[in-house]
């Protein structure tokens, strides 16, 4: 998606990367299947993020006709 930032869920510093994000912004999460984005949603909510949406799996977004790059 245009303007998206990629954070690697499996990176050793993933939690630190998430902690640097602005908790007041809106985030839309997705991954290949929706599993990692679901886990990240929970992590972000527990950290105090209020505006986070799990869009699910990339293949589902593409199948729904949403623009992808």
C-alpha atoms as a PDB file:
ATOM      1  CA  UNK A   1       0.000   0.000   0.000  1.00  0.00           C
ATOM      2  CA  UNK A   2       1.265   3.443  -0.831  1.00  0.00           C
ATOM      3  CA  UNK A   3       2.985   5.138   2.093  1.00  0.00           C
ATOM      4  CA  UNK A   4       3.128   1.916   4.104  1.00  0.00           C
ATOM      5  CA  UNK A   5       6.001   1.084   6.403  1.00  0.00           C
ATOM      6  CA  UNK A   6       7.128  -2.498   6.727  1.00  0.00           C
ATOM      7  CA  UNK A   7       7.985  -3.736  10.216  1.00  0.00           C
ATOM      8  CA  UNK A   8       9.327  -7.267  10.407  1.00  0.00           C
ATOM      9  CA  UNK A   9       7.337  -9.156  13.034  1.00  0.00           C
ATOM     10  CA  UNK A  10      10.211 -11.619  13.426  1.00  0.00           C
ATOM     11  CA  UNK A  11      12.906  -8.960  13.931  1.00  0.00           C
ATOM     12  CA  UNK A  12      14.542  -9.117  17.365  1.00  0.00           C
ATOM     13  CA  UNK A  13      13.738  -5.433  17.930  1.00  0.00           C
ATOM     14  CA  UNK A  14      10.134  -5.572  16.683  1.00  0.00           C
ATOM     15  CA  UNK A  15       8.710  -4.459  20.033  1.00  0.00           C
ATOM     16  CA  UNK A  16      11.124  -1.532  20.123  1.00  0.00           C
ATOM     17  CA  UNK A  17      10.116  -0.514  16.583  1.00  0.00           C
ATOM     18  CA  UNK A  18       6.432  -0.554  17.550  1.00  0.00           C
ATOM     19  CA  UNK A  19       7.161   1.440  20.716  1.00  0.00           C
ATOM     20  CA  UNK A  20       8.637   4.249  18.573  1.00  0.00           C
ATOM     21  CA  UNK A  21       5.376   4.692  16.642  1.00  0.00           C
ATOM     22  CA  UNK A  22       2.995   7.559  17.428  1.00  0.00           C
ATOM     23  CA  UNK A  23       0.143   6.113  19.499  1.00  0.00           C
ATOM     24  CA  UNK A  24      -2.185   8.872  18.257  1.00  0.00           C
ATOM     25  CA  UNK A  25      -1.939   7.866  14.585  1.00  0.00           C
ATOM     26  CA  UNK A  26      -4.138   5.339  12.785  1.00  0.00           C
ATOM     27  CA  UNK A  27      -2.541   2.066  11.692  1.00  0.00           C
ATOM     28  CA  UNK A  28      -3.822  -0.566   9.298  1.00  0.00           C
ATOM     29  CA  UNK A  29      -2.072  -3.895   9.743  1.00  0.00           C
ATOM     30  CA  UNK A  30      -1.778  -6.726   7.260  1.00  0.00           C
ATOM     31  CA  UNK A  31       0.509  -9.649   6.566  1.00  0.00           C
ATOM     32  CA  UNK A  32       0.430 -12.658   4.254  1.00  0.00           C
ATOM     33  CA  UNK A  33      -2.278 -14.596   6.098  1.00  0.00           C
ATOM     34  CA  UNK A  34      -3.579 -12.287   8.841  1.00  0.00           C
ATOM     35  CA  UNK A  35      -1.947 -14.210  11.703  1.00  0.00           C
ATOM     36  CA  UNK A  36       1.000 -11.900  12.416  1.00  0.00           C
ATOM     37  CA  UNK A  37      -1.116  -8.796  11.917  1.00  0.00           C
ATOM     38  CA  UNK A  38      -3.578 -10.179  14.478  1.00  0.00           C
ATOM     39  CA  UNK A  39      -0.771 -10.751  16.968  1.00  0.00           C
ATOM     40  CA  UNK A  40       0.563  -7.260  16.297  1.00  0.00           C
ATOM     41  CA  UNK A  41      -2.896  -5.764  16.840  1.00  0.00           C
ATOM     42  CA  UNK A  42      -3.025  -7.321  20.300  1.00  0.00           C
ATOM     43  CA  UNK A  43       0.500  -6.113  21.106  1.00  0.00           C
ATOM     44  CA  UNK A  44      -0.315  -2.570  19.991  1.00  0.00           C
ATOM     45  CA  UNK A  45      -3.602  -2.446  21.892  1.00  0.00           C
ATOM     46  CA  UNK A  46      -1.826  -3.647  25.039  1.00  0.00           C
ATOM     47  CA  UNK A  47       0.747  -0.868  24.514  1.00  0.00           C
ATOM     48  CA  UNK A  48      -1.994   1.787  24.417  1.00  0.00           C
ATOM     49  CA  UNK A  49      -2.582   2.276  20.695  1.00  0.00           C
ATOM     50  CA  UNK A  50      -6.239   3.177  20.106  1.00  0.00           C
ATOM     51  CA  UNK A  51      -6.538   3.456  16.317  1.00  0.00           C
ATOM     52  CA  UNK A  52      -5.359   0.106  14.944  1.00  0.00           C
ATOM     53  CA  UNK A  53      -7.200  -2.030  12.399  1.00  0.00           C
ATOM     54  CA  UNK A  54      -6.291  -5.555  11.355  1.00  0.00           C
ATOM     55  CA  UNK A  55      -6.980  -5.714   7.605  1.00  0.00           C
ATOM     56  CA  UNK A  56      -6.017  -9.400   7.579  1.00  0.00           C
ATOM     57  CA  UNK A  57      -4.149 -11.183   4.834  1.00  0.00           C
ATOM     58  CA  UNK A  58      -2.598  -9.464   1.831  1.00  0.00           C
ATOM     59  CA  UNK A  59      -4.118 -12.002  -0.536  1.00  0.00           C
ATOM     60  CA  UNK A  60      -7.579 -11.144   0.830  1.00  0.00           C
ATOM     61  CA  UNK A  61      -6.997  -7.424   0.302  1.00  0.00           C
ATOM     62  CA  UNK A  62      -5.868  -8.053  -3.253  1.00  0.00           C
ATOM     63  CA  UNK A  63      -8.836 -10.377  -3.933  1.00  0.00           C
ATOM     64  CA  UNK A  64     -11.185  -7.665  -2.645  1.00  0.00           C
ATOM     65  CA  UNK A  65      -9.859  -5.356  -5.360  1.00  0.00           C
ATOM     66  CA  UNK A  66      -7.994  -2.937  -3.108  1.00  0.00           C
ATOM     67  CA  UNK A  67      -5.011  -1.253  -4.746  1.00  0.00           C
ATOM     68  CA  UNK A  68      -1.770  -3.070  -3.927  1.00  0.00           C
ATOM     69  CA  UNK A  69       1.829  -2.568  -5.017  1.00  0.00           C
END
